[in-house]
Amino acid sequence: MGVRLPGTVLAKQILCRSFLTTNQTTLISAEVPKGFLAVYVGQTEKKRFMVPVSYLNQPSFQALLRKAEEEFGFDHPTGGLIIPCREEILLDVISQLKRS
């Protein structure tokens, strides 16, 4: 019997539903190395980042996932996981997580 954290459940819901949205996603996810997930950020042009799955448990990354849920729900328009923030914000979060 395991204990599930609410943030982990939220992350799994977002990822499962967004990865199952289109056949195009299957092609995209095939290019993602094991242990990583692809996220897209940017105001006008979406840039793809590979993020370690271990970041999903981190509160700062979960805040970004909540923003994605608020903006898109669980139905992302492109089938991929889009985080509605500027590229610099994601880079800042990743930088902080790498240091810890």
N, C-alpha and C. Protein backbone atom coordinates (compact mmCIF):
# COMPACT_ATOMS: atom_id res chain seq x y z
N MET A 1 0.85 -1.16 0.00
CA MET A 1 0.00 0.00 0.00
C MET A 1 0.89 1.23 0.00
N GLY A 2 0.71 2.11 -0.97
CA GLY A 2 1.55 3.30 -1.09
C GLY A 2 0.79 4.56 -0.73
N VAL A 3 1.53 5.57 -0.45
CA VAL A 3 0.96 6.88 -0.15
C VAL A 3 1.18 7.77 -1.37
N ARG A 4 0.12 8.42 -1.81
CA ARG A 4 0.23 9.31 -2.97
C ARG A 4 0.15 10.75 -2.51
N LEU A 5 1.02 11.54 -3.06
CA LEU A 5 1.00 12.97 -2.79
C LEU A 5 0.08 13.65 -3.78
N PRO A 6 -0.71 14.65 -3.35
CA PRO A 6 -1.63 15.32 -4.26
C PRO A 6 -0.94 15.90 -5.49
N GLY A 7 0.24 16.46 -5.33
CA GLY A 7 0.97 17.03 -6.46
C GLY A 7 1.36 15.97 -7.48
N THR A 8 1.75 14.80 -6.99
CA THR A 8 2.12 13.71 -7.87
C THR A 8 0.92 13.24 -8.67
N VAL A 9 -0.22 13.15 -8.02
CA VAL A 9 -1.45 12.73 -8.71
C VAL A 9 -1.80 13.76 -9.78
N LEU A 10 -1.71 15.05 -9.45
CA LEU A 10 -1.99 16.10 -10.43
C LEU A 10 -1.06 15.99 -11.63
N ALA A 11 0.22 15.81 -11.37
CA ALA A 11 1.19 15.70 -12.45
C ALA A 11 0.88 14.50 -13.34
N LYS A 12 0.55 13.36 -12.73
CA LYS A 12 0.24 12.17 -13.52
C LYS A 12 -1.00 12.38 -14.37
N GLN A 13 -2.03 13.06 -13.82
CA GLN A 13 -3.23 13.32 -14.60
C GLN A 13 -2.92 14.18 -15.81
N ILE A 14 -2.16 15.24 -15.58
CA ILE A 14 -1.82 16.14 -16.68
C ILE A 14 -1.03 15.41 -17.75
N LEU A 15 -0.02 14.65 -17.32
CA LEU A 15 0.83 13.97 -18.29
C LEU A 15 0.09 12.87 -19.03
N CYS A 16 -0.67 12.05 -18.32
CA CYS A 16 -1.38 10.95 -18.98
C CYS A 16 -2.38 11.49 -19.99
N ARG A 17 -3.15 12.46 -19.62
CA ARG A 17 -4.17 12.96 -20.53
C ARG A 17 -3.56 13.72 -21.69
N SER A 18 -2.49 14.47 -21.43
CA SER A 18 -1.91 15.22 -22.55
C SER A 18 -1.17 14.29 -23.50
N PHE A 19 -0.55 13.23 -23.00
CA PHE A 19 0.17 12.32 -23.87
C PHE A 19 -0.76 11.42 -24.67
N LEU A 20 -2.00 11.28 -24.25
CA LEU A 20 -2.94 10.42 -24.96
C LEU A 20 -3.86 11.20 -25.89
N THR A 21 -3.63 12.49 -26.05
CA THR A 21 -4.53 13.33 -26.83
C THR A 21 -4.50 13.04 -28.32
N THR A 22 -3.31 12.92 -28.92
CA THR A 22 -3.23 12.73 -30.37
C THR A 22 -2.19 11.68 -30.72
N ASN A 23 -2.27 11.19 -31.95
CA ASN A 23 -1.25 10.26 -32.42
C ASN A 23 0.09 10.95 -32.58
N GLN A 24 0.07 12.25 -32.87
CA GLN A 24 1.30 13.02 -33.01
C GLN A 24 2.10 12.95 -31.71
N THR A 25 1.42 12.92 -30.60
CA THR A 25 2.09 12.86 -29.30
C THR A 25 2.88 11.57 -29.17
N THR A 26 2.38 10.49 -29.71
CA THR A 26 3.11 9.23 -29.66
C THR A 26 4.45 9.37 -30.36
N LEU A 27 4.47 10.06 -31.48
CA LEU A 27 5.72 10.28 -32.19
C LEU A 27 6.66 11.17 -31.38
N ILE A 28 6.11 12.20 -30.77
CA ILE A 28 6.92 13.12 -29.97
C ILE A 28 7.49 12.40 -28.76
N SER A 29 6.65 11.63 -28.06
CA SER A 29 7.11 10.97 -26.85
C SER A 29 8.17 9.91 -27.16
N ALA A 30 8.18 9.37 -28.38
CA ALA A 30 9.19 8.39 -28.75
C ALA A 30 10.58 9.03 -28.80
N GLU A 31 10.65 10.32 -29.03
CA GLU A 31 11.91 11.03 -29.12
C GLU A 31 12.43 11.50 -27.76
N VAL A 32 11.65 11.33 -26.72
CA VAL A 32 12.02 11.79 -25.39
C VAL A 32 12.78 10.68 -24.67
N PRO A 33 13.98 10.99 -24.17
CA PRO A 33 14.76 9.96 -23.47
C PRO A 33 14.03 9.46 -22.22
N LYS A 34 14.29 8.23 -21.87
CA LYS A 34 13.69 7.64 -20.67
C LYS A 34 14.08 8.47 -19.45
N GLY A 35 13.10 8.74 -18.59
CA GLY A 35 13.35 9.52 -17.39
C GLY A 35 13.14 11.01 -17.58
N PHE A 36 12.71 11.41 -18.77
CA PHE A 36 12.47 12.82 -19.06
C PHE A 36 11.07 13.00 -19.64
N LEU A 37 10.59 14.24 -19.64
CA LEU A 37 9.36 14.56 -20.34
C LEU A 37 9.59 15.85 -21.10
N ALA A 38 8.87 15.99 -22.19
CA ALA A 38 8.99 17.19 -23.01
C ALA A 38 7.91 18.18 -22.58
N VAL A 39 8.33 19.41 -22.36
CA VAL A 39 7.38 20.48 -22.07
C VAL A 39 7.65 21.62 -23.06
N TYR A 40 6.61 22.37 -23.35
CA TYR A 40 6.71 23.47 -24.28
C TYR A 40 6.37 24.77 -23.55
N VAL A 41 7.21 25.78 -23.71
CA VAL A 41 6.97 27.08 -23.09
C VAL A 41 7.27 28.18 -24.10
N GLY A 42 6.74 29.35 -23.81
CA GLY A 42 6.98 30.50 -24.67
C GLY A 42 5.71 31.25 -24.91
N GLN A 43 5.83 32.55 -25.10
CA GLN A 43 4.65 33.39 -25.32
C GLN A 43 4.11 33.23 -26.73
N THR A 44 4.94 33.43 -27.74
CA THR A 44 4.46 33.33 -29.12
C THR A 44 4.94 32.04 -29.77
N GLU A 45 6.23 31.81 -29.72
CA GLU A 45 6.79 30.59 -30.28
C GLU A 45 7.10 29.62 -29.14
N LYS A 46 6.58 28.42 -29.23
CA LYS A 46 6.78 27.43 -28.17
C LYS A 46 8.13 26.75 -28.36
N LYS A 47 8.91 26.72 -27.29
CA LYS A 47 10.21 26.07 -27.31
C LYS A 47 10.12 24.80 -26.46
N ARG A 48 10.71 23.74 -26.96
CA ARG A 48 10.64 22.44 -26.30
C ARG A 48 11.82 22.26 -25.36
N PHE A 49 11.52 21.78 -24.14
CA PHE A 49 12.54 21.49 -23.14
C PHE A 49 12.36 20.06 -22.65
N MET A 50 13.47 19.39 -22.40
CA MET A 50 13.44 18.07 -21.79
C MET A 50 13.66 18.25 -20.29
N VAL A 51 12.72 17.79 -19.51
CA VAL A 51 12.76 17.98 -18.06
C VAL A 51 12.80 16.61 -17.39
N PRO A 52 13.71 16.41 -16.43
CA PRO A 52 13.75 15.14 -15.71
C PRO A 52 12.43 14.89 -14.97
N VAL A 53 11.96 13.68 -15.03
CA VAL A 53 10.71 13.31 -14.36
C VAL A 53 10.80 13.56 -12.85
N SER A 54 11.99 13.50 -12.29
CA SER A 54 12.16 13.73 -10.86
C SER A 54 11.71 15.13 -10.44
N TYR A 55 11.64 16.07 -11.36
CA TYR A 55 11.19 17.43 -11.04
C TYR A 55 9.69 17.49 -10.74
N LEU A 56 8.94 16.47 -11.14
CA LEU A 56 7.49 16.48 -10.94
C LEU A 56 7.10 16.55 -9.47
N ASN A 57 7.97 16.09 -8.58
CA ASN A 57 7.67 16.11 -7.15
C ASN A 57 8.05 17.42 -6.48
N GLN A 58 8.70 18.31 -7.20
CA GLN A 58 9.18 19.55 -6.62
C GLN A 58 8.08 20.62 -6.63
N PRO A 59 7.87 21.30 -5.50
CA PRO A 59 6.79 22.30 -5.40
C PRO A 59 6.88 23.40 -6.46
N SER A 60 8.08 23.86 -6.80
CA SER A 60 8.20 24.93 -7.79
C SER A 60 7.76 24.46 -9.18
N PHE A 61 8.05 23.20 -9.52
CA PHE A 61 7.61 22.68 -10.82
C PHE A 61 6.12 22.38 -10.80
N GLN A 62 5.61 21.93 -9.65
CA GLN A 62 4.18 21.67 -9.53
C GLN A 62 3.36 22.95 -9.69
N ALA A 63 3.93 24.08 -9.26
CA ALA A 63 3.24 25.36 -9.46
C ALA A 63 3.09 25.65 -10.96
N LEU A 64 4.11 25.31 -11.74
CA LEU A 64 4.01 25.49 -13.19
C LEU A 64 2.95 24.56 -13.79
N LEU A 65 2.88 23.34 -13.27
CA LEU A 65 1.87 22.39 -13.75
C LEU A 65 0.46 22.88 -13.42
N ARG A 66 0.29 23.51 -12.26
CA ARG A 66 -1.02 24.05 -11.91
C ARG A 66 -1.42 25.18 -12.87
N LYS A 67 -0.43 25.99 -13.27
CA LYS A 67 -0.71 27.04 -14.26
C LYS A 67 -1.19 26.43 -15.57
N ALA A 68 -0.55 25.33 -15.96
CA ALA A 68 -0.96 24.64 -17.19
C ALA A 68 -2.38 24.10 -17.05
N GLU A 69 -2.70 23.55 -15.89
CA GLU A 69 -4.04 23.02 -15.67
C GLU A 69 -5.08 24.15 -15.71
N GLU A 70 -4.77 25.28 -15.08
CA GLU A 70 -5.70 26.41 -15.08
C GLU A 70 -5.94 26.94 -16.49
N GLU A 71 -4.89 26.99 -17.28
CA GLU A 71 -4.99 27.54 -18.64
C GLU A 71 -5.67 26.58 -19.61
N PHE A 72 -5.28 25.30 -19.57
CA PHE A 72 -5.74 24.35 -20.57
C PHE A 72 -6.61 23.22 -20.03
N GLY A 73 -6.72 23.08 -18.72
CA GLY A 73 -7.36 21.90 -18.16
C GLY A 73 -6.47 20.71 -18.46
N PHE A 74 -7.07 19.61 -18.82
CA PHE A 74 -6.29 18.43 -19.18
C PHE A 74 -6.30 18.18 -20.67
N ASP A 75 -6.78 19.14 -21.44
CA ASP A 75 -6.87 19.00 -22.89
C ASP A 75 -5.96 20.04 -23.53
N HIS A 76 -4.71 19.68 -23.74
CA HIS A 76 -3.75 20.60 -24.34
C HIS A 76 -3.96 20.62 -25.85
N PRO A 77 -3.99 21.80 -26.43
CA PRO A 77 -4.33 21.91 -27.86
C PRO A 77 -3.38 21.20 -28.81
N THR A 78 -2.11 21.08 -28.45
CA THR A 78 -1.17 20.43 -29.36
C THR A 78 -0.92 18.98 -29.01
N GLY A 79 -1.49 18.51 -27.92
CA GLY A 79 -1.23 17.14 -27.50
C GLY A 79 -0.03 17.03 -26.58
N GLY A 80 0.85 18.01 -26.59
CA GLY A 80 2.00 18.02 -25.70
C GLY A 80 1.69 18.82 -24.47
N LEU A 81 2.58 18.77 -23.50
CA LEU A 81 2.40 19.52 -22.26
C LEU A 81 2.93 20.93 -22.46
N ILE A 82 2.02 21.90 -22.47
CA ILE A 82 2.39 23.30 -22.63
C ILE A 82 2.26 23.97 -21.27
N ILE A 83 3.33 24.65 -20.86
CA ILE A 83 3.29 25.41 -19.62
C ILE A 83 3.21 26.88 -20.00
N PRO A 84 2.14 27.57 -19.60
CA PRO A 84 1.94 28.95 -20.02
C PRO A 84 2.80 29.93 -19.20
N CYS A 85 4.06 29.99 -19.54
CA CYS A 85 4.96 30.93 -18.88
C CYS A 85 6.06 31.31 -19.86
N ARG A 86 6.81 32.34 -19.49
CA ARG A 86 7.94 32.73 -20.32
C ARG A 86 9.06 31.71 -20.16
N GLU A 87 9.86 31.61 -21.16
CA GLU A 87 10.99 30.68 -21.17
C GLU A 87 11.92 30.93 -19.98
N GLU A 88 12.13 32.19 -19.64
CA GLU A 88 13.03 32.55 -18.54
C GLU A 88 12.55 31.99 -17.21
N ILE A 89 11.23 31.93 -17.02
CA ILE A 89 10.69 31.41 -15.77
C ILE A 89 11.01 29.93 -15.64
N LEU A 90 10.78 29.17 -16.71
CA LEU A 90 11.10 27.74 -16.66
C LEU A 90 12.60 27.54 -16.43
N LEU A 91 13.42 28.29 -17.12
CA LEU A 91 14.86 28.16 -16.94
C LEU A 91 15.28 28.48 -15.51
N ASP A 92 14.64 29.46 -14.90
CA ASP A 92 14.93 29.82 -13.51
C ASP A 92 14.55 28.67 -12.57
N VAL A 93 13.38 28.09 -12.78
CA VAL A 93 12.94 26.96 -11.94
C VAL A 93 13.90 25.79 -12.10
N ILE A 94 14.26 25.46 -13.34
CA ILE A 94 15.18 24.35 -13.58
C ILE A 94 16.53 24.62 -12.94
N SER A 95 17.00 25.84 -13.04
CA SER A 95 18.28 26.21 -12.44
C SER A 95 18.25 26.03 -10.93
N GLN A 96 17.17 26.46 -10.30
CA GLN A 96 17.02 26.30 -8.85
C GLN A 96 16.98 24.83 -8.45
N LEU A 97 16.28 24.02 -9.24
CA LEU A 97 16.16 22.60 -8.93
C LEU A 97 17.48 21.87 -9.10
N LYS A 98 18.28 22.28 -10.07
CA LYS A 98 19.59 21.66 -10.27
C LYS A 98 20.52 21.93 -9.10
N ARG A 99 20.39 23.13 -8.50
CA ARG A 99 21.24 23.52 -7.37
C ARG A 99 20.87 22.79 -6.09
N SER A 100 19.62 22.39 -5.98
CA SER A 100 19.20 21.75 -4.72
C SER A 100 19.41 20.26 -4.70
